[in-house]
Amino acid sequence: MQDKNRILIVAATKMEIAPSLPVLKKKGIPVAITGIGAAPSVYNMLKAIVQYQPSMLIQAGIAGCFDRKYPLGEVLVVKEERFADLGVEEHKQWKSVFDMGFIAPGQKPFTNGSLRNPHKKIQGIAGMEAVVGVTVNEVTTNKNRIRLLKSQGAVVESMEGAALHYVALMEKVPFLQIRSISNYVGERDKGKWNFKDAIGNLNKELVRIAEQIGSSSLL
C-alpha cells in the first residue's frame, strides 16, 4: 500500500471484522476497535487518528434495516447520517435538537441537520448502493418511531455511524461507512437475524474496498 493512502479501519466490535483481520494485518492496514455506542466511538476514533495519522477512515459494521426490499446480508454504503434520538418526545411528537433550535441545522459539520459524506468518488469505488443511516443509543423497537424514521428516509440503523461522520467531517479526513444488514429494525426474534451472512459479506467487501482504495490515486 502506498504511503499516501494511509487507511485506518474502525469497527465497533472485533467480532464484526474478525475474518478480515489477518489480511489487514498482512497488508499493514491498522485497525481500531472503538466500542459500542457513539461516545466511545468518538473517543477511540480520535485516539486512533492521532496515533496513525490516516489519510482515510473506513468504518465497517453490521446494521438493522428499515426496508425489507434489501435482503439480509446485503452490504450498503452510508452516504448520510443523523443522530436519531438526540431530542425530545412531547405530546407523542418527536422533536430533534434542530427542531427545537438548540443547534442550527447548518452548524458545522451538519447540513440541514444531517452528517453527509461529501466524498462521492470514494463511495463510487465501493460500488454499492448508497443509503441514509441513523444512529441511536437504544435499538428502535417502537412502531411509531420506526414509521417516523422510515418517512425521513432512513434505511439502516447503527449505534456508531454518525460518530464516524461527525469525527471525520470535523477532522477533515476522507471516510467511508459500509454496513451489512443483519436484521430488520423491530424484529425481536433473534432466530430471524442473520449474523453469518452479514459478517461474511461485510468482510469480503471490506478487504476488496481496502485493496482498491489502497492502490488507487483517490487520496
Protein backbone atom coordinates (compact mmCIF):
# COMPACT_ATOMS: atom_id res chain seq x y z
CA MET A 1 0.00 0.00 0.00
CA GLN A 2 1.36 3.40 -0.92
CA ASP A 3 2.23 5.64 1.99
CA LYS A 4 -0.06 8.41 0.72
CA ASN A 5 -3.05 6.09 1.11
CA ARG A 6 -2.90 5.52 4.85
CA ILE A 7 -6.17 3.74 5.55
CA LEU A 8 -7.45 3.20 9.08
CA ILE A 9 -10.22 0.65 9.62
CA VAL A 10 -12.58 1.26 12.53
CA ALA A 11 -15.27 -1.04 13.87
CA ALA A 12 -17.39 -1.15 17.00
CA THR A 13 -16.52 -4.76 17.84
CA LYS A 14 -13.81 -7.20 16.87
CA MET A 15 -16.47 -9.79 16.01
CA GLU A 16 -17.74 -7.75 13.07
CA ILE A 17 -14.41 -7.65 11.24
CA ALA A 18 -12.63 -10.71 12.66
CA PRO A 19 -12.45 -12.53 9.28
CA SER A 20 -10.58 -9.58 7.75
CA LEU A 21 -8.01 -9.07 10.49
CA PRO A 22 -5.32 -11.49 9.18
CA VAL A 23 -5.48 -9.94 5.70
CA LEU A 24 -5.46 -6.38 7.00
CA LYS A 25 -2.52 -7.13 9.29
CA LYS A 26 -0.57 -8.67 6.41
CA LYS A 27 -1.19 -5.56 4.32
CA GLY A 28 -0.15 -3.27 7.16
CA ILE A 29 -3.57 -1.63 7.47
CA PRO A 30 -4.21 -0.60 11.10
CA VAL A 31 -7.49 -1.40 12.84
CA ALA A 32 -9.14 0.35 15.79
CA ILE A 33 -11.92 -1.31 17.76
CA THR A 34 -13.86 1.68 19.04
CA GLY A 35 -16.55 0.09 21.24
CA ILE A 36 -20.33 0.07 21.06
CA GLY A 37 -22.10 3.43 21.03
CA ALA A 38 -21.38 6.93 19.77
CA ALA A 39 -19.49 8.24 22.81
CA PRO A 40 -16.77 5.55 22.99
CA SER A 41 -16.57 5.55 19.19
CA VAL A 42 -15.80 9.28 19.07
CA TYR A 43 -13.18 9.00 21.82
CA ASN A 44 -11.41 5.94 20.43
CA MET A 45 -11.56 7.15 16.83
CA LEU A 46 -9.87 10.39 17.79
CA LYS A 47 -7.16 8.49 19.69
CA ALA A 48 -6.59 6.28 16.64
CA ILE A 49 -6.42 9.29 14.30
CA VAL A 50 -3.75 10.86 16.50
CA GLN A 51 -1.83 7.58 16.61
CA TYR A 52 -2.00 6.57 12.93
CA GLN A 53 -2.50 9.91 11.13
CA PRO A 54 -4.63 8.26 8.41
CA SER A 55 -5.49 9.80 5.08
CA MET A 56 -8.78 7.88 5.12
CA LEU A 57 -11.15 6.18 7.56
CA ILE A 58 -13.28 3.15 6.74
CA GLN A 59 -15.91 2.11 9.25
CA ALA A 60 -17.34 -1.39 8.82
CA GLY A 61 -20.15 -2.97 10.78
CA ILE A 62 -23.48 -4.73 10.79
CA ALA A 63 -26.77 -2.85 10.99
CA GLY A 64 -30.51 -3.12 11.23
CA CYS A 65 -32.55 -2.24 8.15
CA PHE A 66 -35.88 -0.43 7.86
CA ASP A 67 -36.65 -1.62 4.32
CA ARG A 68 -37.32 -5.29 3.59
CA LYS A 69 -36.53 -4.85 -0.08
CA TYR A 70 -32.90 -5.27 0.98
CA PRO A 71 -32.07 -8.93 1.78
CA LEU A 72 -30.28 -9.86 4.97
CA GLY A 73 -26.57 -9.97 4.29
CA GLU A 74 -26.54 -7.16 1.71
CA VAL A 75 -23.77 -4.62 2.12
CA LEU A 76 -24.51 -0.92 1.63
CA VAL A 77 -22.64 2.37 1.72
CA VAL A 78 -23.99 5.01 4.09
CA LYS A 79 -23.93 8.42 2.42
CA GLU A 80 -25.67 10.40 5.15
CA GLU A 81 -26.15 10.01 8.90
CA ARG A 82 -28.22 11.51 11.71
CA PHE A 83 -28.23 11.20 15.49
CA ALA A 84 -31.80 9.90 15.52
CA ASP A 85 -32.53 10.05 19.25
CA LEU A 86 -30.96 13.40 20.07
CA GLY A 87 -34.03 15.36 21.03
CA VAL A 88 -37.28 15.08 22.97
CA GLU A 89 -40.71 13.49 22.58
CA GLU A 90 -43.52 15.85 23.60
CA HIS A 91 -47.23 15.10 23.31
CA LYS A 92 -46.41 12.00 21.24
CA GLN A 93 -44.45 14.11 18.76
CA TRP A 94 -40.71 13.78 18.23
CA LYS A 95 -38.60 16.94 18.04
CA SER A 96 -34.89 16.92 17.29
CA VAL A 97 -32.41 19.39 18.76
CA PHE A 98 -32.57 21.14 15.39
CA ASP A 99 -36.37 21.39 15.52
CA MET A 100 -36.10 22.93 18.98
CA GLY A 101 -33.46 25.43 17.90
CA PHE A 102 -30.75 24.16 20.25
CA ILE A 103 -28.40 23.55 17.30
CA ALA A 104 -28.58 25.34 13.95
CA PRO A 105 -29.25 22.80 11.15
CA GLY A 106 -26.25 24.13 9.25
CA GLN A 107 -23.84 24.30 12.18
CA LYS A 108 -20.55 22.62 11.30
CA PRO A 109 -20.37 19.73 10.47
CA PHE A 110 -24.13 19.40 9.87
CA THR A 111 -26.00 20.11 6.63
CA ASN A 112 -29.73 20.54 7.22
CA GLY A 113 -29.31 18.55 10.42
CA SER A 114 -27.54 15.64 8.71
CA LEU A 115 -23.95 14.47 8.50
CA ARG A 116 -23.30 13.97 4.80
CA ASN A 117 -20.32 12.22 3.26
CA PRO A 118 -19.09 14.55 0.50
CA HIS A 119 -16.58 12.05 -0.92
CA LYS A 120 -18.53 10.77 -3.92
CA LYS A 121 -15.53 9.19 -5.66
CA ILE A 122 -14.72 7.08 -2.61
CA GLN A 123 -18.34 5.98 -2.34
CA GLY A 124 -18.29 5.20 -6.05
CA ILE A 125 -15.25 2.96 -5.82
CA ALA A 126 -17.12 0.85 -3.25
CA GLY A 127 -19.64 0.04 -5.98
CA MET A 128 -22.63 -0.37 -3.66
CA GLU A 129 -25.93 1.40 -3.22
CA ALA A 130 -25.58 4.49 -1.04
CA VAL A 131 -28.30 4.96 1.59
CA VAL A 132 -29.24 7.08 4.59
CA GLY A 133 -28.36 5.84 8.06
CA VAL A 134 -29.43 6.78 11.56
CA THR A 135 -27.53 6.32 14.80
CA VAL A 136 -29.25 5.51 18.08
CA ASN A 137 -28.34 4.76 21.67
CA GLU A 138 -31.27 2.38 22.03
CA VAL A 139 -32.21 -0.07 19.27
CA THR A 140 -35.51 1.08 17.78
CA THR A 141 -38.50 -1.14 18.55
CA ASN A 142 -41.35 1.36 18.86
CA LYS A 143 -43.59 1.13 15.79
CA ASN A 144 -44.29 4.85 15.69
CA ARG A 145 -40.60 5.69 15.81
CA ILE A 146 -39.89 3.14 13.09
CA ARG A 147 -42.54 4.74 10.86
CA LEU A 148 -41.13 8.21 11.55
CA LEU A 149 -37.55 7.24 10.75
CA LYS A 150 -38.63 5.45 7.58
CA SER A 151 -40.62 8.52 6.49
CA GLN A 152 -37.45 10.58 6.93
CA GLY A 153 -35.57 8.31 4.53
CA ALA A 154 -33.66 6.10 6.95
CA VAL A 155 -32.60 2.73 5.53
CA VAL A 156 -30.10 1.42 8.09
CA GLU A 157 -29.66 1.84 11.84
CA SER A 158 -26.49 1.51 13.89
CA MET A 159 -25.08 2.80 17.15
CA GLU A 160 -21.85 4.29 15.76
CA GLY A 161 -22.29 5.52 12.18
CA ALA A 162 -22.95 9.17 12.97
CA ALA A 163 -19.90 9.19 15.24
CA LEU A 164 -17.70 8.34 12.25
CA HIS A 165 -19.30 11.03 10.09
CA TYR A 166 -19.04 13.66 12.84
CA VAL A 167 -15.38 12.97 13.65
CA ALA A 168 -14.26 12.61 10.03
CA LEU A 169 -16.01 15.80 8.92
CA MET A 170 -14.62 17.78 11.85
CA GLU A 171 -11.10 16.40 11.33
CA LYS A 172 -11.35 16.75 7.53
CA VAL A 173 -10.39 13.12 6.93
CA PRO A 174 -11.99 11.38 3.91
CA PHE A 175 -14.15 8.49 5.03
CA LEU A 176 -16.43 5.65 4.04
CA GLN A 177 -19.02 3.77 6.08
CA ILE A 178 -20.12 0.32 4.95
CA ARG A 179 -22.88 -1.64 6.67
CA SER A 180 -24.18 -5.16 6.12
CA ILE A 181 -27.75 -5.96 7.08
CA SER A 182 -28.04 -8.45 9.93
CA ASN A 183 -31.71 -7.88 10.80
CA TYR A 184 -34.78 -5.79 10.14
CA VAL A 185 -35.49 -2.99 12.61
CA GLY A 186 -38.26 -4.01 15.01
CA GLU A 187 -37.69 -7.75 14.56
CA ARG A 188 -37.11 -9.07 18.09
CA ASP A 189 -36.87 -12.76 17.22
CA LYS A 190 -33.10 -13.28 17.04
CA GLY A 191 -33.73 -16.51 15.17
CA LYS A 192 -34.69 -14.38 12.18
CA TRP A 193 -31.44 -12.39 12.26
CA ASN A 194 -28.56 -13.42 10.01
CA PHE A 195 -25.18 -12.65 11.52
CA LYS A 196 -23.36 -15.29 9.47
CA ASP A 197 -24.08 -13.82 6.04
CA ALA A 198 -23.93 -10.25 7.30
CA ILE A 199 -20.43 -10.66 8.75
CA GLY A 200 -19.21 -12.86 5.91
CA ASN A 201 -20.32 -10.46 3.18
CA LEU A 202 -19.17 -7.41 5.12
CA ASN A 203 -15.63 -8.72 5.37
CA LYS A 204 -15.41 -9.73 1.72
CA GLU A 205 -16.35 -6.19 0.74
CA LEU A 206 -14.12 -4.60 3.36
CA VAL A 207 -11.00 -6.36 2.08
CA ARG A 208 -11.90 -5.62 -1.54
CA ILE A 209 -12.53 -1.93 -0.89
CA ALA A 210 -9.39 -1.50 1.24
CA GLU A 211 -7.29 -3.08 -1.51
CA GLN A 212 -8.87 -0.94 -4.23
CA ILE A 213 -8.54 2.32 -2.35
CA GLY A 214 -5.08 1.46 -1.11
CA SER A 215 -3.83 1.02 -4.68
CA SER A 216 -5.75 3.98 -6.13
CA SER A 217 -4.82 7.63 -6.52
CA LEU A 218 -8.02 8.89 -4.90
CA LEU A 219 -6.39 10.09 -1.68
